Amino acid sequence: MQAPIRAGQKVRIIQEIDRREGPWINEVVGAVVDIKPQKTGSWYAHGKDDKLWLNRVLLRKADGELTTITVDQFTRVEVLEDAPASA
């Protein structure tokens, strides 16, 4: 991820996957609900609990749908609106 993000911010997450037919680009816009590393079911000898851990962002889209995005070093994140100030 390029920009540090936190809960409450409105962000655009852009992922590009290289394919033989050309790149496939996916964009998701939403408000950040949560950001955390989560372990997968994949075994990885040097990972915590011998598992592969991935960074995941939970977003709430404008229509209320919740979606989880797995981010990696190729994922671009654009902050569209900062989080509202806490009271």
Protein backbone atom coordinates (compact mmCIF):
# COMPACT_ATOMS: atom_id res chain seq x y z
CA MET A 1 0.00 0.00 0.00
CA GLN A 2 1.27 3.44 -0.82
CA ALA A 3 -0.68 5.75 1.45
CA PRO A 4 -1.18 5.01 5.13
CA ILE A 5 -4.91 4.68 5.70
CA ARG A 6 -7.12 4.47 8.76
CA ALA A 7 -10.72 3.72 9.62
CA GLY A 8 -13.21 6.36 8.52
CA GLN A 9 -11.31 7.55 5.45
CA LYS A 10 -12.91 7.33 2.03
CA VAL A 11 -10.45 5.63 -0.32
CA ARG A 12 -10.08 4.30 -3.83
CA ILE A 13 -8.21 0.99 -4.04
CA ILE A 14 -6.84 0.06 -7.46
CA GLN A 15 -5.50 -3.39 -8.27
CA GLU A 16 -3.94 -4.44 -11.56
CA ILE A 17 -3.49 -8.07 -12.51
CA ASP A 18 -1.30 -8.93 -15.49
CA ARG A 19 -2.82 -11.43 -17.89
CA ARG A 20 -1.86 -12.78 -21.28
CA GLU A 21 -4.80 -10.84 -22.79
CA GLY A 22 -3.62 -7.62 -21.14
CA PRO A 23 -3.95 -6.12 -17.68
CA TRP A 24 -7.16 -6.45 -15.71
CA ILE A 25 -7.78 -3.38 -13.55
CA ASN A 26 -10.23 -3.30 -10.66
CA GLU A 27 -11.21 -0.20 -8.66
CA VAL A 28 -13.20 -0.12 -5.45
CA VAL A 29 -14.27 3.05 -3.63
CA GLY A 30 -15.53 3.03 -0.07
CA ALA A 31 -15.06 4.03 3.54
CA VAL A 32 -12.45 2.10 5.50
CA VAL A 33 -14.06 0.07 8.27
CA ASP A 34 -11.03 -1.96 9.38
CA ILE A 35 -7.45 -2.73 8.36
CA LYS A 36 -5.61 -5.75 9.68
CA PRO A 37 -3.32 -8.60 8.76
CA GLN A 38 -5.18 -11.92 8.60
CA LYS A 39 -3.76 -15.38 8.29
CA THR A 40 -4.74 -17.58 5.38
CA GLY A 41 -5.14 -21.33 5.24
CA SER A 42 -1.86 -21.55 3.34
CA TRP A 43 1.14 -23.00 5.12
CA TYR A 44 4.26 -20.81 5.28
CA ALA A 45 7.26 -22.03 7.29
CA HIS A 46 8.53 -18.60 8.34
CA GLY A 47 5.19 -16.97 9.13
CA LYS A 48 3.52 -16.52 12.48
CA ASP A 49 1.69 -19.77 13.35
CA ASP A 50 3.32 -21.26 10.21
CA LYS A 51 0.71 -19.48 8.08
CA LEU A 52 0.82 -16.93 5.29
CA TRP A 53 -0.46 -13.55 6.50
CA LEU A 54 -2.00 -10.96 4.17
CA ASN A 55 -3.03 -7.35 4.79
CA ARG A 56 -6.77 -6.92 4.34
CA VAL A 57 -8.92 -3.79 4.20
CA LEU A 58 -12.65 -3.94 4.96
CA LEU A 59 -14.55 -1.26 3.00
CA ARG A 60 -18.16 -0.09 3.12
CA LYS A 61 -19.23 0.92 -0.37
CA ALA A 62 -21.72 3.74 -1.03
CA ASP A 63 -24.61 1.25 -1.31
CA GLY A 64 -23.75 -0.24 2.10
CA GLU A 65 -22.11 -3.39 0.76
CA LEU A 66 -19.09 -4.57 2.77
CA THR A 67 -16.14 -5.89 0.79
CA THR A 68 -12.74 -7.17 1.83
CA ILE A 69 -9.72 -6.26 -0.30
CA THR A 70 -6.39 -8.06 0.02
CA VAL A 71 -3.62 -5.53 -0.54
CA ASP A 72 -0.06 -6.19 -1.64
CA GLN A 73 2.93 -4.19 -2.87
CA PHE A 74 1.24 -3.64 -6.26
CA THR A 75 -2.02 -2.25 -4.84
CA ARG A 76 -2.54 1.51 -5.17
CA VAL A 77 -4.50 3.37 -2.52
CA GLU A 78 -5.77 6.92 -2.98
CA VAL A 79 -7.28 8.77 -0.02
CA LEU A 80 -10.33 10.67 -1.29
CA GLU A 81 -11.59 12.08 2.04
CA ASP A 82 -9.98 12.12 5.45
CA ALA A 83 -11.69 10.51 8.43
CA PRO A 84 -14.10 12.75 10.32
CA ALA A 85 -12.66 14.31 13.47
CA SER A 86 -13.59 12.41 16.62
CA ALA A 87 -15.79 14.15 19.12
